[in-house]
């Protein structure tokens, strides 16, 4: 018998959204055949997921929150054939769900459609041992993302303004950092703005640098932006954000393969699906583990070339 376990981040989303979700869960499971737990802090979602997996019987894990909640549950369920994971969007990001289109993403709030929905096996990215389902970035974009929370703590500062302030602050401190990068046959050494490794397509609340990326093709789509000044960065970032990196061949190099090695004599920041890592070297590769991900019936992945992608 399938167990259904909801792991809820009560601080994600608007006030009282956790209570409203519990009401919807009870309506979707009128027999009471579910378990629901709320997190109390960072790491709790992963611990609750590990506990739910200990029995080794079939279980569906519902990560109710944003990208961070999903990441913790995915790391617990990776490589476990008896487990499947999904994301019930409550956070402000939920970037991975954008892969299913705007209307598809909304369907992930339909618990009745989710409970018996189909599942697929998806690839994972391994960044120094931390797994990611969506995107890993190293460089200026990671530093911006890591610093947003500092500004969000200020009075009267919302998420959008916090991101703008973090972007300005980060760029003023310098766009590039010294890096040695190895990805397939490409060897790069010198000032580097960023390296972005995509299993999914979206990060940063809307950036879509590699629209060809798919989480089920056994390939990581990797972009490297080397030495750029402020003017070049301003001129390229819009194209980069919309997946038009091929229009900037002198600034952006791409590799589609199994991974990348990054080293520096300075501390670098990496962000794995919203989780921040710091260090002077990162090995980012296709993980040996996969994760089962389930979705509402009738909702499928969208990718470059499908008509619906034009509306995302």
C-alpha atoms as a PDB file:
ATOM      1  CA  UNK A   1       0.000   0.000   0.000  1.00  0.00           C
ATOM      2  CA  UNK A   2       1.348   3.405  -0.989  1.00  0.00           C
ATOM      3  CA  UNK A   3       2.030   5.879   1.804  1.00  0.00           C
ATOM      4  CA  UNK A   4       1.608   9.607   1.188  1.00  0.00           C
ATOM      5  CA  UNK A   5       3.854  11.839   3.311  1.00  0.00           C
ATOM      6  CA  UNK A   6       3.569  15.636   3.245  1.00  0.00           C
ATOM      7  CA  UNK A   7       6.556  17.665   4.432  1.00  0.00           C
ATOM      8  CA  UNK A   8       5.412  21.255   4.866  1.00  0.00           C
ATOM      9  CA  UNK A   9       7.533  24.367   5.243  1.00  0.00           C
ATOM     10  CA  UNK A  10       5.192  26.601   7.290  1.00  0.00           C
ATOM     11  CA  UNK A  11       7.110  29.812   6.531  1.00  0.00           C
ATOM     12  CA  UNK A  12       6.878  29.381   2.743  1.00  0.00           C
ATOM     13  CA  UNK A  13       4.175  31.367   1.019  1.00  0.00           C
ATOM     14  CA  UNK A  14       1.603  33.780   2.492  1.00  0.00           C
ATOM     15  CA  UNK A  15       0.520  33.753   6.126  1.00  0.00           C
ATOM     16  CA  UNK A  16      -1.721  30.797   7.057  1.00  0.00           C
ATOM     17  CA  UNK A  17      -0.909  28.980   3.806  1.00  0.00           C
ATOM     18  CA  UNK A  18       0.224  25.903   5.750  1.00  0.00           C
ATOM     19  CA  UNK A  19      -3.159  25.647   7.488  1.00  0.00           C
ATOM     20  CA  UNK A  20      -4.966  26.077   4.170  1.00  0.00           C
ATOM     21  CA  UNK A  21      -2.815  23.312   2.694  1.00  0.00           C
ATOM     22  CA  UNK A  22      -3.679  20.944   5.545  1.00  0.00           C
ATOM     23  CA  UNK A  23      -7.374  21.535   4.826  1.00  0.00           C
ATOM     24  CA  UNK A  24      -6.772  20.646   1.157  1.00  0.00           C
ATOM     25  CA  UNK A  25      -4.840  17.518   2.124  1.00  0.00           C
ATOM     26  CA  UNK A  26      -7.697  16.310   4.307  1.00  0.00           C
ATOM     27  CA  UNK A  27     -10.132  16.924   1.447  1.00  0.00           C
ATOM     28  CA  UNK A  28      -7.932  14.987  -1.005  1.00  0.00           C
ATOM     29  CA  UNK A  29      -7.448  12.096   1.438  1.00  0.00           C
ATOM     30  CA  UNK A  30     -10.854  11.777   3.162  1.00  0.00           C
ATOM     31  CA  UNK A  31      -9.911   8.395   4.635  1.00  0.00           C
ATOM     32  CA  UNK A  32      -7.044  10.021   6.514  1.00  0.00           C
ATOM     33  CA  UNK A  33      -4.492   7.799   4.767  1.00  0.00           C
ATOM     34  CA  UNK A  34      -1.683  10.349   4.803  1.00  0.00           C
ATOM     35  CA  UNK A  35       1.024  11.711   7.096  1.00  0.00           C
ATOM     36  CA  UNK A  36       1.789  15.426   7.412  1.00  0.00           C
ATOM     37  CA  UNK A  37       4.767  17.024   9.135  1.00  0.00           C
ATOM     38  CA  UNK A  38       5.909  20.639   9.409  1.00  0.00           C
ATOM     39  CA  UNK A  39       9.510  21.760   9.416  1.00  0.00           C
ATOM     40  CA  UNK A  40      10.990  23.903  12.161  1.00  0.00           C
ATOM     41  CA  UNK A  41      14.167  25.046  10.445  1.00  0.00           C
ATOM     42  CA  UNK A  42      16.870  24.359   7.888  1.00  0.00           C
ATOM     43  CA  UNK A  43      17.571  20.646   7.416  1.00  0.00           C
ATOM     44  CA  UNK A  44      14.261  19.517   8.896  1.00  0.00           C
ATOM     45  CA  UNK A  45      12.715  18.603   5.530  1.00  0.00           C
ATOM     46  CA  UNK A  46      15.611  16.259   4.795  1.00  0.00           C
ATOM     47  CA  UNK A  47      15.467  14.662   8.256  1.00  0.00           C
ATOM     48  CA  UNK A  48      11.714  14.122   8.011  1.00  0.00           C
ATOM     49  CA  UNK A  49      12.127  12.610   4.542  1.00  0.00           C
ATOM     50  CA  UNK A  50      14.862  10.223   5.722  1.00  0.00           C
ATOM     51  CA  UNK A  51      12.612   9.116   8.586  1.00  0.00           C
ATOM     52  CA  UNK A  52       9.734   8.461   6.177  1.00  0.00           C
ATOM     53  CA  UNK A  53      12.038   6.348   3.994  1.00  0.00           C
ATOM     54  CA  UNK A  54      13.412   4.124   6.748  1.00  0.00           C
ATOM     55  CA  UNK A  55      10.665   1.495   6.437  1.00  0.00           C
ATOM     56  CA  UNK A  56      11.565   0.764   2.831  1.00  0.00           C
ATOM     57  CA  UNK A  57       7.936   0.461   1.708  1.00  0.00           C
ATOM     58  CA  UNK A  58       6.444   2.401  -1.228  1.00  0.00           C
ATOM     59  CA  UNK A  59       6.083   6.075  -0.347  1.00  0.00           C
ATOM     60  CA  UNK A  60       5.307   9.320  -2.106  1.00  0.00           C
ATOM     61  CA  UNK A  61       6.952  12.400  -0.590  1.00  0.00           C
ATOM     62  CA  UNK A  62       5.291  15.783  -1.136  1.00  0.00           C
ATOM     63  CA  UNK A  63       7.777  18.631  -0.618  1.00  0.00           C
ATOM     64  CA  UNK A  64       5.444  21.502   0.237  1.00  0.00           C
ATOM     65  CA  UNK A  65       7.407  24.724  -0.038  1.00  0.00           C
ATOM     66  CA  UNK A  66       9.975  26.278  -2.300  1.00  0.00           C
ATOM     67  CA  UNK A  67      13.118  25.093  -4.029  1.00  0.00           C
ATOM     68  CA  UNK A  68      15.015  24.589  -0.751  1.00  0.00           C
ATOM     69  CA  UNK A  69      12.368  22.258   0.672  1.00  0.00           C
ATOM     70  CA  UNK A  70      12.334  20.248  -2.565  1.00  0.00           C
ATOM     71  CA  UNK A  71      16.137  20.038  -2.572  1.00  0.00           C
ATOM     72  CA  UNK A  72      16.277  18.551   0.937  1.00  0.00           C
ATOM     73  CA  UNK A  73      13.642  15.930   0.120  1.00  0.00           C
ATOM     74  CA  UNK A  74      15.331  15.040  -3.190  1.00  0.00           C
ATOM     75  CA  UNK A  75      18.667  14.481  -1.426  1.00  0.00           C
ATOM     76  CA  UNK A  76      16.962  12.074   0.973  1.00  0.00           C
ATOM     77  CA  UNK A  77      15.101  10.148  -1.758  1.00  0.00           C
ATOM     78  CA  UNK A  78      17.898   9.958  -4.347  1.00  0.00           C
ATOM     79  CA  UNK A  79      18.645   6.402  -5.445  1.00  0.00           C
ATOM     80  CA  UNK A  80      15.749   4.892  -3.484  1.00  0.00           C
ATOM     81  CA  UNK A  81      13.575   2.884  -5.860  1.00  0.00           C
ATOM     82  CA  UNK A  82      10.642   2.667  -3.441  1.00  0.00           C
ATOM     83  CA  UNK A  83      10.317   6.451  -3.117  1.00  0.00           C
ATOM     84  CA  UNK A  84       8.965   9.178  -5.389  1.00  0.00           C
ATOM     85  CA  UNK A  85       9.050  12.944  -4.833  1.00  0.00           C
ATOM     86  CA  UNK A  86       7.011  15.921  -5.979  1.00  0.00           C
ATOM     87  CA  UNK A  87       6.785  19.630  -5.212  1.00  0.00           C
ATOM     88  CA  UNK A  88       3.602  21.303  -4.000  1.00  0.00           C
ATOM     89  CA  UNK A  89       4.447  24.962  -4.699  1.00  0.00           C
ATOM     90  CA  UNK A  90       4.262  27.270  -1.708  1.00  0.00           C
ATOM     91  CA  UNK A  91       7.509  29.224  -2.049  1.00  0.00           C
ATOM     92  CA  UNK A  92       8.347  32.230  -4.182  1.00  0.00           C
ATOM     93  CA  UNK A  93      10.558  30.325  -6.618  1.00  0.00           C
ATOM     94  CA  UNK A  94       9.627  26.730  -7.451  1.00  0.00           C
ATOM     95  CA  UNK A  95      11.911  27.051 -10.458  1.00  0.00           C
ATOM     96  CA  UNK A  96      11.990  23.347 -11.306  1.00  0.00           C
ATOM     97  CA  UNK A  97       8.226  23.250 -11.861  1.00  0.00           C
ATOM     98  CA  UNK A  98       8.563  25.869 -14.614  1.00  0.00           C
ATOM     99  CA  UNK A  99       9.718  22.966 -16.810  1.00  0.00           C
ATOM    100  CA  UNK A 100       6.088  21.897 -17.043  1.00  0.00           C
ATOM    101  CA  UNK A 101       4.822  25.253 -18.330  1.00  0.00           C
ATOM    102  CA  UNK A 102       2.793  27.950 -16.604  1.00  0.00           C
ATOM    103  CA  UNK A 103      -0.450  25.976 -16.571  1.00  0.00           C
ATOM    104  CA  UNK A 104       1.355  22.733 -15.731  1.00  0.00           C
ATOM    105  CA  UNK A 105       2.991  24.358 -12.714  1.00  0.00           C
ATOM    106  CA  UNK A 106      -0.410  25.418 -11.394  1.00  0.00           C
ATOM    107  CA  UNK A 107      -1.615  21.807 -11.602  1.00  0.00           C
ATOM    108  CA  UNK A 108       0.924  20.791  -8.934  1.00  0.00           C
ATOM    109  CA  UNK A 109      -1.394  22.391  -6.375  1.00  0.00           C
ATOM    110  CA  UNK A 110      -4.102  19.850  -7.315  1.00  0.00           C
ATOM    111  CA  UNK A 111      -3.495  17.141  -4.713  1.00  0.00           C
ATOM    112  CA  UNK A 112      -6.130  14.796  -6.126  1.00  0.00           C
ATOM    113  CA  UNK A 113      -4.415  14.884  -9.534  1.00  0.00           C
ATOM    114  CA  UNK A 114      -1.027  14.410  -7.868  1.00  0.00           C
ATOM    115  CA  UNK A 115      -1.808  11.469  -5.596  1.00  0.00           C
ATOM    116  CA  UNK A 116      -2.197   8.971  -8.456  1.00  0.00           C
ATOM    117  CA  UNK A 117      -0.168  10.873 -11.054  1.00  0.00           C
ATOM    118  CA  UNK A 118       2.553   9.260 -13.201  1.00  0.00           C
ATOM    119  CA  UNK A 119       6.203   9.330 -12.218  1.00  0.00           C
ATOM    120  CA  UNK A 120       9.436   9.551 -14.191  1.00  0.00           C
ATOM    121  CA  UNK A 121      13.070   8.904 -13.313  1.00  0.00           C
ATOM    122  CA  UNK A 122      15.119  12.117 -13.460  1.00  0.00           C
ATOM    123  CA  UNK A 123      18.853  12.787 -13.466  1.00  0.00           C
ATOM    124  CA  UNK A 124      20.565  14.613 -10.621  1.00  0.00           C
ATOM    125  CA  UNK A 125      23.567  16.924 -10.421  1.00  0.00           C
ATOM    126  CA  UNK A 126      26.258  16.190  -7.807  1.00  0.00           C
ATOM    127  CA  UNK A 127      28.126  19.281  -6.549  1.00  0.00           C
ATOM    128  CA  UNK A 128      30.750  18.263  -3.996  1.00  0.00           C
ATOM    129  CA  UNK A 129      28.336  15.667  -2.638  1.00  0.00           C
ATOM    130  CA  UNK A 130      25.209  17.832  -2.504  1.00  0.00           C
ATOM    131  CA  UNK A 131      22.626  16.765  -5.076  1.00  0.00           C
ATOM    132  CA  UNK A 132      20.522  19.095  -7.173  1.00  0.00           C
ATOM    133  CA  UNK A 133      17.572  18.455  -9.456  1.00  0.00           C
ATOM    134  CA  UNK A 134      17.569  21.753 -11.326  1.00  0.00           C
ATOM    135  CA  UNK A 135      20.569  24.113 -11.692  1.00  0.00           C
ATOM    136  CA  UNK A 136      23.988  24.585 -10.085  1.00  0.00           C
ATOM    137  CA  UNK A 137      25.720  27.940 -10.567  1.00  0.00           C
ATOM    138  CA  UNK A 138      29.156  29.192  -9.546  1.00  0.00           C
ATOM    139  CA  UNK A 139      30.186  32.821  -9.822  1.00  0.00           C
ATOM    140  CA  UNK A 140      28.457  36.195  -9.904  1.00  0.00           C
ATOM    141  CA  UNK A 141      24.919  34.782 -10.176  1.00  0.00           C
ATOM    142  CA  UNK A 142      25.570  32.498  -7.203  1.00  0.00           C
ATOM    143  CA  UNK A 143      26.942  35.406  -5.165  1.00  0.00           C
ATOM    144  CA  UNK A 144      23.837  37.465  -5.973  1.00  0.00           C
ATOM    145  CA  UNK A 145      21.546  34.597  -4.907  1.00  0.00           C
ATOM    146  CA  UNK A 146      23.514  33.934  -1.726  1.00  0.00           C
ATOM    147  CA  UNK A 147      23.330  37.604  -0.695  1.00  0.00           C
ATOM    148  CA  UNK A 148      19.614  38.166  -1.322  1.00  0.00           C
ATOM    149  CA  UNK A 149      18.658  36.932   2.160  1.00  0.00           C
ATOM    150  CA  UNK A 150      20.851  39.613   3.766  1.00  0.00           C
ATOM    151  CA  UNK A 151      18.794  42.335   2.113  1.00  0.00           C
ATOM    152  CA  UNK A 152      15.448  40.604   2.677  1.00  0.00           C
ATOM    153  CA  UNK A 153      16.001  40.955   6.423  1.00  0.00           C
ATOM    154  CA  UNK A 154      15.918  44.752   6.118  1.00  0.00           C
ATOM    155  CA  UNK A 155      12.614  46.540   6.926  1.00  0.00           C
ATOM    156  CA  UNK A 156      10.223  47.174   4.004  1.00  0.00           C
ATOM    157  CA  UNK A 157      12.408  45.259   1.527  1.00  0.00           C
ATOM    158  CA  UNK A 158      10.521  42.716  -0.599  1.00  0.00           C
ATOM    159  CA  UNK A 159      12.064  39.913  -2.635  1.00  0.00           C
ATOM    160  CA  UNK A 160      12.337  41.839  -5.916  1.00  0.00           C
ATOM    161  CA  UNK A 161      13.997  44.860  -4.320  1.00  0.00           C
ATOM    162  CA  UNK A 162      16.256  42.561  -2.277  1.00  0.00           C
ATOM    163  CA  UNK A 163      17.403  40.894  -5.503  1.00  0.00           C
ATOM    164  CA  UNK A 164      18.104  44.262  -7.153  1.00  0.00           C
ATOM    165  CA  UNK A 165      20.085  45.466  -4.128  1.00  0.00           C
ATOM    166  CA  UNK A 166      22.034  42.208  -4.017  1.00  0.00           C
ATOM    167  CA  UNK A 167      22.777  42.460  -7.752  1.00  0.00           C
ATOM    168  CA  UNK A 168      24.058  46.049  -7.425  1.00  0.00           C
ATOM    169  CA  UNK A 169      26.134  45.220  -4.358  1.00  0.00           C
ATOM    170  CA  UNK A 170      27.667  42.125  -5.981  1.00  0.00           C
ATOM    171  CA  UNK A 171      28.493  43.799  -9.295  1.00  0.00           C
ATOM    172  CA  UNK A 172      30.143  46.735  -7.516  1.00  0.00           C
ATOM    173  CA  UNK A 173      32.436  44.248  -5.745  1.00  0.00           C
ATOM    174  CA  UNK A 174      33.526  42.862  -9.113  1.00  0.00           C
ATOM    175  CA  UNK A 175      31.885  40.596 -11.660  1.00  0.00           C
ATOM    176  CA  UNK A 176      34.721  38.130 -12.270  1.00  0.00           C
ATOM    177  CA  UNK A 177      36.846  35.849 -10.109  1.00  0.00           C
ATOM    178  CA  UNK A 178      39.949  33.858 -11.100  1.00  0.00           C
ATOM    179  CA  UNK A 179      38.955  30.311 -12.074  1.00  0.00           C
ATOM    180  CA  UNK A 180      40.349  27.236 -13.758  1.00  0.00           C
ATOM    181  CA  UNK A 181      37.550  25.409 -15.542  1.00  0.00           C
ATOM    182  CA  UNK A 182      37.639  22.023 -17.255  1.00  0.00           C
ATOM    183  CA  UNK A 183      34.562  20.822 -19.125  1.00  0.00           C
ATOM    184  CA  UNK A 184      35.031  18.154 -21.738  1.00  0.00           C
ATOM    185  CA  UNK A 185      37.676  19.349 -24.222  1.00  0.00           C
ATOM    186  CA  UNK A 186      37.384  22.971 -23.033  1.00  0.00           C
ATOM    187  CA  UNK A 187      40.132  24.301 -20.750  1.00  0.00           C
ATOM    188  CA  UNK A 188      39.637  27.822 -19.446  1.00  0.00           C
ATOM    189  CA  UNK A 189      41.862  29.740 -17.050  1.00  0.00           C
ATOM    190  CA  UNK A 190      41.522  33.354 -15.999  1.00  0.00           C
ATOM    191  CA  UNK A 191      38.903  35.871 -14.885  1.00  0.00           C
ATOM    192  CA  UNK A 192      35.474  34.219 -15.013  1.00  0.00           C
ATOM    193  CA  UNK A 193      32.016  35.649 -14.427  1.00  0.00           C
ATOM    194  CA  UNK A 194      30.070  32.408 -13.979  1.00  0.00           C
ATOM    195  CA  UNK A 195      29.627  28.732 -14.718  1.00  0.00           C
ATOM    196  CA  UNK A 196      26.042  27.472 -14.920  1.00  0.00           C
ATOM    197  CA  UNK A 197      25.247  23.727 -14.949  1.00  0.00           C
ATOM    198  CA  UNK A 198      21.710  22.899 -16.042  1.00  0.00           C
ATOM    199  CA  UNK A 199      19.687  19.731 -15.535  1.00  0.00           C
ATOM    200  CA  UNK A 200      16.507  21.804 -15.542  1.00  0.00           C
ATOM    201  CA  UNK A 201      16.042  25.080 -17.372  1.00  0.00           C
ATOM    202  CA  UNK A 202      15.114  27.784 -14.878  1.00  0.00           C
ATOM    203  CA  UNK A 203      16.782  29.426 -11.902  1.00  0.00           C
ATOM    204  CA  UNK A 204      16.901  32.800 -10.223  1.00  0.00           C
ATOM    205  CA  UNK A 205      13.136  33.209 -10.474  1.00  0.00           C
ATOM    206  CA  UNK A 206      12.996  33.293 -14.274  1.00  0.00           C
ATOM    207  CA  UNK A 207      16.439  32.998 -15.880  1.00  0.00           C
ATOM    208  CA  UNK A 208      16.376  30.308 -18.579  1.00  0.00           C
ATOM    209  CA  UNK A 209      19.970  30.075 -19.847  1.00  0.00           C
ATOM    210  CA  UNK A 210      19.837  26.609 -21.447  1.00  0.00           C
ATOM    211  CA  UNK A 211      16.395  25.962 -22.984  1.00  0.00           C
ATOM    212  CA  UNK A 212      17.624  22.643 -24.417  1.00  0.00           C
ATOM    213  CA  UNK A 213      18.245  21.169 -20.944  1.00  0.00           C
ATOM    214  CA  UNK A 214      16.151  18.167 -19.893  1.00  0.00           C
ATOM    215  CA  UNK A 215      16.300  16.252 -16.591  1.00  0.00           C
ATOM    216  CA  UNK A 216      15.830  12.880 -18.318  1.00  0.00           C
ATOM    217  CA  UNK A 217      18.464  12.884 -21.085  1.00  0.00           C
ATOM    218  CA  UNK A 218      21.632  11.919 -19.160  1.00  0.00           C
ATOM    219  CA  UNK A 219      23.354  15.172 -20.182  1.00  0.00           C
ATOM    220  CA  UNK A 220      24.272  18.321 -18.270  1.00  0.00           C
ATOM    221  CA  UNK A 221      24.132  21.555 -20.255  1.00  0.00           C
ATOM    222  CA  UNK A 222      26.968  23.817 -19.087  1.00  0.00           C
ATOM    223  CA  UNK A 223      27.573  27.495 -19.882  1.00  0.00           C
ATOM    224  CA  UNK A 224      30.737  29.431 -19.072  1.00  0.00           C
ATOM    225  CA  UNK A 225      30.923  33.227 -19.149  1.00  0.00           C
ATOM    226  CA  UNK A 226      34.544  34.339 -19.005  1.00  0.00           C
ATOM    227  CA  UNK A 227      36.107  37.766 -18.537  1.00  0.00           C
ATOM    228  CA  UNK A 228      33.494  40.490 -19.013  1.00  0.00           C
ATOM    229  CA  UNK A 229      33.392  44.127 -18.010  1.00  0.00           C
ATOM    230  CA  UNK A 230      30.319  45.897 -16.711  1.00  0.00           C
ATOM    231  CA  UNK A 231      29.228  47.109 -20.147  1.00  0.00           C
ATOM    232  CA  UNK A 232      29.621  43.645 -21.715  1.00  0.00           C
ATOM    233  CA  UNK A 233      27.800  42.067 -18.781  1.00  0.00           C
ATOM    234  CA  UNK A 234      24.877  44.483 -19.145  1.00  0.00           C
ATOM    235  CA  UNK A 235      24.681  43.786 -22.879  1.00  0.00           C
ATOM    236  CA  UNK A 236      24.853  39.997 -22.536  1.00  0.00           C
ATOM    237  CA  UNK A 237      22.785  39.251 -19.437  1.00  0.00           C
ATOM    238  CA  UNK A 238      19.408  39.702 -21.169  1.00  0.00           C
ATOM    239  CA  UNK A 239      20.309  37.257 -23.941  1.00  0.00           C
ATOM    240  CA  UNK A 240      21.772  34.831 -21.404  1.00  0.00           C
ATOM    241  CA  UNK A 241      18.598  34.978 -19.311  1.00  0.00           C
ATOM    242  CA  UNK A 242      16.458  34.106 -22.355  1.00  0.00           C
ATOM    243  CA  UNK A 243      18.603  31.193 -23.556  1.00  0.00           C
ATOM    244  CA  UNK A 244      20.108  33.111 -26.465  1.00  0.00           C
ATOM    245  CA  UNK A 245      23.698  32.459 -25.411  1.00  0.00           C
ATOM    246  CA  UNK A 246      24.709  31.505 -28.951  1.00  0.00           C
ATOM    247  CA  UNK A 247      24.304  35.172 -29.859  1.00  0.00           C
ATOM    248  CA  UNK A 248      27.281  35.953 -27.570  1.00  0.00           C
ATOM    249  CA  UNK A 249      29.935  33.495 -28.868  1.00  0.00           C
ATOM    250  CA  UNK A 250      32.869  35.626 -27.749  1.00  0.00           C
ATOM    251  CA  UNK A 251      31.564  35.816 -24.183  1.00  0.00           C
ATOM    252  CA  UNK A 252      29.767  32.495 -23.605  1.00  0.00           C
ATOM    253  CA  UNK A 253      31.141  28.994 -24.180  1.00  0.00           C
ATOM    254  CA  UNK A 254      28.933  25.916 -23.916  1.00  0.00           C
ATOM    255  CA  UNK A 255      29.530  22.212 -23.272  1.00  0.00           C
ATOM    256  CA  UNK A 256      26.962  19.434 -23.122  1.00  0.00           C
ATOM    257  CA  UNK A 257      28.294  16.415 -21.238  1.00  0.00           C
ATOM    258  CA  UNK A 258      28.821  14.758 -17.878  1.00  0.00           C
ATOM    259  CA  UNK A 259      30.315  17.523 -15.761  1.00  0.00           C
ATOM    260  CA  UNK A 260      32.803  20.266 -15.005  1.00  0.00           C
ATOM    261  CA  UNK A 261      35.747  20.913 -12.652  1.00  0.00           C
ATOM    262  CA  UNK A 262      36.205  24.393 -11.171  1.00  0.00           C
ATOM    263  CA  UNK A 263      39.180  25.609  -9.081  1.00  0.00           C
ATOM    264  CA  UNK A 264      40.298  28.981  -7.754  1.00  0.00           C
ATOM    265  CA  UNK A 265      42.816  30.562  -5.398  1.00  0.00           C
ATOM    266  CA  UNK A 266      39.939  32.594  -3.973  1.00  0.00           C
ATOM    267  CA  UNK A 267      36.768  31.454  -2.222  1.00  0.00           C
ATOM    268  CA  UNK A 268      33.936  30.838  -4.663  1.00  0.00           C
ATOM    269  CA  UNK A 269      30.206  30.624  -4.044  1.00  0.00           C
ATOM    270  CA  UNK A 270      28.077  27.846  -5.513  1.00  0.00           C
ATOM    271  CA  UNK A 271      24.291  27.609  -5.322  1.00  0.00           C
ATOM    272  CA  UNK A 272      22.630  24.200  -5.724  1.00  0.00           C
ATOM    273  CA  UNK A 273      18.867  24.628  -6.168  1.00  0.00           C
ATOM    274  CA  UNK A 274      18.971  27.491  -3.677  1.00  0.00           C
ATOM    275  CA  UNK A 275      21.403  25.834  -1.232  1.00  0.00           C
ATOM    276  CA  UNK A 276      24.675  27.765  -0.795  1.00  0.00           C
ATOM    277  CA  UNK A 277      28.126  26.144  -0.780  1.00  0.00           C
ATOM    278  CA  UNK A 278      31.471  27.926  -0.418  1.00  0.00           C
ATOM    279  CA  UNK A 279      34.920  26.658  -1.332  1.00  0.00           C
ATOM    280  CA  UNK A 280      37.888  26.953  -3.659  1.00  0.00           C
ATOM    281  CA  UNK A 281      37.069  23.924  -5.800  1.00  0.00           C
ATOM    282  CA  UNK A 282      33.893  22.303  -7.078  1.00  0.00           C
ATOM    283  CA  UNK A 283      33.405  19.018  -8.883  1.00  0.00           C
ATOM    284  CA  UNK A 284      30.001  19.205 -10.568  1.00  0.00           C
ATOM    285  CA  UNK A 285      28.930  16.058 -12.379  1.00  0.00           C
ATOM    286  CA  UNK A 286      26.026  13.883 -13.370  1.00  0.00           C
ATOM    287  CA  UNK A 287      25.192  11.869 -10.258  1.00  0.00           C
ATOM    288  CA  UNK A 288      25.153   8.087 -10.210  1.00  0.00           C
ATOM    289  CA  UNK A 289      21.811   8.435  -8.437  1.00  0.00           C
ATOM    290  CA  UNK A 290      18.464   9.343  -9.935  1.00  0.00           C
ATOM    291  CA  UNK A 291      15.193  10.325  -8.326  1.00  0.00           C
ATOM    292  CA  UNK A 292      11.609   9.329  -9.123  1.00  0.00           C
ATOM    293  CA  UNK A 293       9.506  12.453  -9.627  1.00  0.00           C
ATOM    294  CA  UNK A 294       5.720  12.337  -9.905  1.00  0.00           C
ATOM    295  CA  UNK A 295       3.391  14.858 -11.478  1.00  0.00           C
ATOM    296  CA  UNK A 296      -0.330  15.403 -12.132  1.00  0.00           C
ATOM    297  CA  UNK A 297      -1.872  13.276 -14.874  1.00  0.00           C
ATOM    298  CA  UNK A 298      -1.694  15.001 -18.248  1.00  0.00           C
ATOM    299  CA  UNK A 299       1.227  17.263 -17.292  1.00  0.00           C
ATOM    300  CA  UNK A 300       4.447  16.689 -19.241  1.00  0.00           C
ATOM    301  CA  UNK A 301       7.860  18.286 -19.609  1.00  0.00           C
ATOM    302  CA  UNK A 302       8.134  21.138 -22.063  1.00  0.00           C
ATOM    303  CA  UNK A 303      11.349  21.812 -23.936  1.00  0.00           C
ATOM    304  CA  UNK A 304      12.776  23.956 -26.714  1.00  0.00           C
ATOM    305  CA  UNK A 305      10.693  23.585 -29.833  1.00  0.00           C
ATOM    306  CA  UNK A 306       7.335  22.857 -28.204  1.00  0.00           C
ATOM    307  CA  UNK A 307       4.653  25.423 -28.941  1.00  0.00           C
ATOM    308  CA  UNK A 308       3.853  25.976 -25.267  1.00  0.00           C
ATOM    309  CA  UNK A 309       7.418  27.125 -24.551  1.00  0.00           C
ATOM    310  CA  UNK A 310       6.683  30.409 -26.320  1.00  0.00           C
ATOM    311  CA  UNK A 311       4.195  31.297 -23.566  1.00  0.00           C
ATOM    312  CA  UNK A 312       6.454  30.600 -20.578  1.00  0.00           C
END
